[in-house]
């Protein structure tokens, strides 16, 4: 921290913070910054942070090893051991899909064409009788 011309200068990374005393404050030791300065600073620091974090896809270099789901192929003759969550997941997913298909097949017919076809037939029959 340096003291220059009745204000503080502080450097964080490549951004220099300037704290000026607030002229409207009666406290002599006030180091408040104006809201415009705070927003400009936040915008500048935020854009630099976004640029820095956006540059790399993953912070963990061992996460990407080139194999599907990170699993290396097993040697010939060896079977893959299933994890505990796999069978319930596959079973419930399959039952859910199967029940969705059944519900779709047997859902009630809610088309307006079907709904008013009987009414139209009755009206035609009434007109022919009259």
C-alpha atoms as a PDB file:
ATOM      1  CA  UNK A   1       0.000   0.000   0.000  1.00  0.00           C
ATOM      2  CA  UNK A   2       1.289   3.388  -0.940  1.00  0.00           C
ATOM      3  CA  UNK A   3       0.052   6.748   0.186  1.00  0.00           C
ATOM      4  CA  UNK A   4      -0.216   9.354  -2.606  1.00  0.00           C
ATOM      5  CA  UNK A   5      -1.981  12.713  -2.532  1.00  0.00           C
ATOM      6  CA  UNK A   6      -4.455  11.975   0.260  1.00  0.00           C
ATOM      7  CA  UNK A   7      -5.607   8.657  -1.257  1.00  0.00           C
ATOM      8  CA  UNK A   8      -4.632   5.001  -1.171  1.00  0.00           C
ATOM      9  CA  UNK A   9      -3.325   3.121  -4.192  1.00  0.00           C
ATOM     10  CA  UNK A  10      -3.497  -0.646  -4.125  1.00  0.00           C
ATOM     11  CA  UNK A  11      -2.693  -3.018  -6.971  1.00  0.00           C
ATOM     12  CA  UNK A  12      -4.500  -6.369  -7.369  1.00  0.00           C
ATOM     13  CA  UNK A  13      -3.212  -8.293 -10.369  1.00  0.00           C
ATOM     14  CA  UNK A  14      -3.156  -5.810 -13.241  1.00  0.00           C
ATOM     15  CA  UNK A  15      -5.902  -3.620 -11.740  1.00  0.00           C
ATOM     16  CA  UNK A  16      -4.989  -0.605  -9.667  1.00  0.00           C
ATOM     17  CA  UNK A  17      -7.481   0.407  -6.978  1.00  0.00           C
ATOM     18  CA  UNK A  18      -7.687   4.059  -6.039  1.00  0.00           C
ATOM     19  CA  UNK A  19      -9.352   4.949  -2.766  1.00  0.00           C
ATOM     20  CA  UNK A  20     -10.187   8.637  -2.523  1.00  0.00           C
ATOM     21  CA  UNK A  21     -11.540  10.252   0.626  1.00  0.00           C
ATOM     22  CA  UNK A  22     -15.249  11.059   0.327  1.00  0.00           C
ATOM     23  CA  UNK A  23     -15.631  14.900   0.443  1.00  0.00           C
ATOM     24  CA  UNK A  24     -19.191  14.650   1.825  1.00  0.00           C
ATOM     25  CA  UNK A  25     -18.227  12.498   4.793  1.00  0.00           C
ATOM     26  CA  UNK A  26     -17.380  14.259   8.041  1.00  0.00           C
ATOM     27  CA  UNK A  27     -15.021  11.466   9.058  1.00  0.00           C
ATOM     28  CA  UNK A  28     -11.474  12.409   8.028  1.00  0.00           C
ATOM     29  CA  UNK A  29     -10.296   8.789   7.713  1.00  0.00           C
ATOM     30  CA  UNK A  30     -12.965   7.757   5.193  1.00  0.00           C
ATOM     31  CA  UNK A  31     -11.752   5.803   2.162  1.00  0.00           C
ATOM     32  CA  UNK A  32     -15.074   5.233   0.379  1.00  0.00           C
ATOM     33  CA  UNK A  33     -15.107   4.870  -3.398  1.00  0.00           C
ATOM     34  CA  UNK A  34     -17.907   6.192  -5.561  1.00  0.00           C
ATOM     35  CA  UNK A  35     -20.373   3.649  -6.919  1.00  0.00           C
ATOM     36  CA  UNK A  36     -19.372   4.463 -10.519  1.00  0.00           C
ATOM     37  CA  UNK A  37     -15.749   3.645  -9.710  1.00  0.00           C
ATOM     38  CA  UNK A  38     -16.770   0.393  -8.038  1.00  0.00           C
ATOM     39  CA  UNK A  39     -18.850  -0.671 -11.055  1.00  0.00           C
ATOM     40  CA  UNK A  40     -16.082   0.187 -13.513  1.00  0.00           C
ATOM     41  CA  UNK A  41     -13.596  -1.750 -11.415  1.00  0.00           C
ATOM     42  CA  UNK A  42     -15.919  -4.745 -11.064  1.00  0.00           C
ATOM     43  CA  UNK A  43     -16.528  -4.797 -14.815  1.00  0.00           C
ATOM     44  CA  UNK A  44     -12.798  -4.670 -15.565  1.00  0.00           C
ATOM     45  CA  UNK A  45     -11.859  -7.334 -12.998  1.00  0.00           C
ATOM     46  CA  UNK A  46     -14.818  -9.532 -14.020  1.00  0.00           C
ATOM     47  CA  UNK A  47     -13.919  -9.471 -17.704  1.00  0.00           C
ATOM     48  CA  UNK A  48     -10.309 -10.381 -16.919  1.00  0.00           C
ATOM     49  CA  UNK A  49     -11.455 -13.226 -14.692  1.00  0.00           C
ATOM     50  CA  UNK A  50     -13.828 -14.521 -17.364  1.00  0.00           C
ATOM     51  CA  UNK A  51     -11.106 -14.402 -19.963  1.00  0.00           C
ATOM     52  CA  UNK A  52      -8.746 -16.293 -17.705  1.00  0.00           C
ATOM     53  CA  UNK A  53     -11.182 -19.015 -16.677  1.00  0.00           C
ATOM     54  CA  UNK A  54     -12.642 -19.457 -20.162  1.00  0.00           C
ATOM     55  CA  UNK A  55      -9.259 -20.298 -21.653  1.00  0.00           C
ATOM     56  CA  UNK A  56      -9.089 -23.854 -20.304  1.00  0.00           C
ATOM     57  CA  UNK A  57     -11.791 -26.498 -20.575  1.00  0.00           C
ATOM     58  CA  UNK A  58     -10.840 -28.440 -17.465  1.00  0.00           C
ATOM     59  CA  UNK A  59      -8.677 -27.628 -14.490  1.00  0.00           C
ATOM     60  CA  UNK A  60      -8.029 -31.327 -13.889  1.00  0.00           C
ATOM     61  CA  UNK A  61      -5.636 -32.690 -16.537  1.00  0.00           C
ATOM     62  CA  UNK A  62      -6.324 -36.322 -15.612  1.00  0.00           C
ATOM     63  CA  UNK A  63     -10.062 -35.907 -16.294  1.00  0.00           C
ATOM     64  CA  UNK A  64      -9.575 -36.270 -20.052  1.00  0.00           C
ATOM     65  CA  UNK A  65      -7.700 -39.438 -20.911  1.00  0.00           C
ATOM     66  CA  UNK A  66      -9.178 -40.012 -24.374  1.00  0.00           C
ATOM     67  CA  UNK A  67     -11.415 -42.988 -23.462  1.00  0.00           C
ATOM     68  CA  UNK A  68     -15.214 -42.941 -23.439  1.00  0.00           C
ATOM     69  CA  UNK A  69     -16.388 -42.045 -19.900  1.00  0.00           C
ATOM     70  CA  UNK A  70     -12.762 -42.318 -18.768  1.00  0.00           C
ATOM     71  CA  UNK A  71     -12.849 -46.145 -18.800  1.00  0.00           C
ATOM     72  CA  UNK A  72      -9.979 -47.951 -20.470  1.00  0.00           C
ATOM     73  CA  UNK A  73     -10.833 -51.153 -22.381  1.00  0.00           C
ATOM     74  CA  UNK A  74     -10.413 -54.372 -20.434  1.00  0.00           C
ATOM     75  CA  UNK A  75      -7.940 -57.055 -21.473  1.00  0.00           C
ATOM     76  CA  UNK A  76      -9.394 -59.892 -23.565  1.00  0.00           C
ATOM     77  CA  UNK A  77     -11.314 -62.505 -21.564  1.00  0.00           C
ATOM     78  CA  UNK A  78     -12.093 -60.195 -18.662  1.00  0.00           C
ATOM     79  CA  UNK A  79     -15.683 -59.054 -17.942  1.00  0.00           C
ATOM     80  CA  UNK A  80     -16.634 -55.593 -16.790  1.00  0.00           C
ATOM     81  CA  UNK A  81     -17.958 -55.436 -13.220  1.00  0.00           C
ATOM     82  CA  UNK A  82     -21.167 -53.417 -13.001  1.00  0.00           C
ATOM     83  CA  UNK A  83     -21.515 -50.783 -10.318  1.00  0.00           C
ATOM     84  CA  UNK A  84     -24.333 -50.851  -7.773  1.00  0.00           C
ATOM     85  CA  UNK A  85     -26.363 -48.050  -9.335  1.00  0.00           C
ATOM     86  CA  UNK A  86     -26.456 -49.440 -12.870  1.00  0.00           C
ATOM     87  CA  UNK A  87     -29.130 -52.187 -12.638  1.00  0.00           C
ATOM     88  CA  UNK A  88     -31.733 -50.083 -10.752  1.00  0.00           C
ATOM     89  CA  UNK A  89     -31.094 -47.181 -13.110  1.00  0.00           C
ATOM     90  CA  UNK A  90     -31.494 -49.249 -16.283  1.00  0.00           C
ATOM     91  CA  UNK A  91     -34.541 -51.082 -14.883  1.00  0.00           C
ATOM     92  CA  UNK A  92     -36.357 -47.914 -13.794  1.00  0.00           C
ATOM     93  CA  UNK A  93     -35.445 -46.085 -16.999  1.00  0.00           C
ATOM     94  CA  UNK A  94     -36.776 -48.990 -19.108  1.00  0.00           C
ATOM     95  CA  UNK A  95     -39.984 -49.294 -17.064  1.00  0.00           C
ATOM     96  CA  UNK A  96     -40.530 -45.542 -17.272  1.00  0.00           C
ATOM     97  CA  UNK A  97     -40.102 -45.557 -21.049  1.00  0.00           C
ATOM     98  CA  UNK A  98     -42.359 -48.598 -21.447  1.00  0.00           C
ATOM     99  CA  UNK A  99     -45.105 -47.052 -19.281  1.00  0.00           C
ATOM    100  CA  UNK A 100     -44.846 -43.754 -21.208  1.00  0.00           C
ATOM    101  CA  UNK A 101     -45.428 -45.648 -24.476  1.00  0.00           C
ATOM    102  CA  UNK A 102     -48.424 -47.524 -22.981  1.00  0.00           C
ATOM    103  CA  UNK A 103     -49.924 -44.298 -21.594  1.00  0.00           C
ATOM    104  CA  UNK A 104     -49.458 -42.622 -24.986  1.00  0.00           C
ATOM    105  CA  UNK A 105     -51.210 -45.483 -26.794  1.00  0.00           C
ATOM    106  CA  UNK A 106     -54.179 -45.603 -24.412  1.00  0.00           C
ATOM    107  CA  UNK A 107     -54.574 -41.902 -23.688  1.00  0.00           C
ATOM    108  CA  UNK A 108     -58.089 -40.496 -24.070  1.00  0.00           C
ATOM    109  CA  UNK A 109     -58.874 -38.946 -27.423  1.00  0.00           C
ATOM    110  CA  UNK A 110     -59.127 -35.209 -26.843  1.00  0.00           C
ATOM    111  CA  UNK A 111     -59.278 -33.972 -30.449  1.00  0.00           C
ATOM    112  CA  UNK A 112     -62.099 -31.532 -31.192  1.00  0.00           C
ATOM    113  CA  UNK A 113     -62.846 -33.359 -34.449  1.00  0.00           C
ATOM    114  CA  UNK A 114     -63.664 -36.558 -32.561  1.00  0.00           C
ATOM    115  CA  UNK A 115     -65.403 -34.697 -29.769  1.00  0.00           C
ATOM    116  CA  UNK A 116     -67.943 -32.943 -31.959  1.00  0.00           C
ATOM    117  CA  UNK A 117     -68.377 -35.672 -34.612  1.00  0.00           C
ATOM    118  CA  UNK A 118     -71.212 -37.272 -32.630  1.00  0.00           C
ATOM    119  CA  UNK A 119     -72.890 -33.880 -32.146  1.00  0.00           C
ATOM    120  CA  UNK A 120     -72.656 -33.139 -35.876  1.00  0.00           C
ATOM    121  CA  UNK A 121     -74.134 -36.562 -36.764  1.00  0.00           C
ATOM    122  CA  UNK A 122     -77.073 -35.944 -34.435  1.00  0.00           C
ATOM    123  CA  UNK A 123     -77.690 -32.511 -35.975  1.00  0.00           C
ATOM    124  CA  UNK A 124     -77.589 -33.968 -39.520  1.00  0.00           C
ATOM    125  CA  UNK A 125     -79.993 -36.705 -38.518  1.00  0.00           C
ATOM    126  CA  UNK A 126     -82.346 -34.092 -36.971  1.00  0.00           C
ATOM    127  CA  UNK A 127     -82.252 -31.987 -40.174  1.00  0.00           C
ATOM    128  CA  UNK A 128     -83.054 -35.030 -42.346  1.00  0.00           C
ATOM    129  CA  UNK A 129     -86.033 -35.912 -40.165  1.00  0.00           C
ATOM    130  CA  UNK A 130     -87.404 -32.401 -40.324  1.00  0.00           C
END
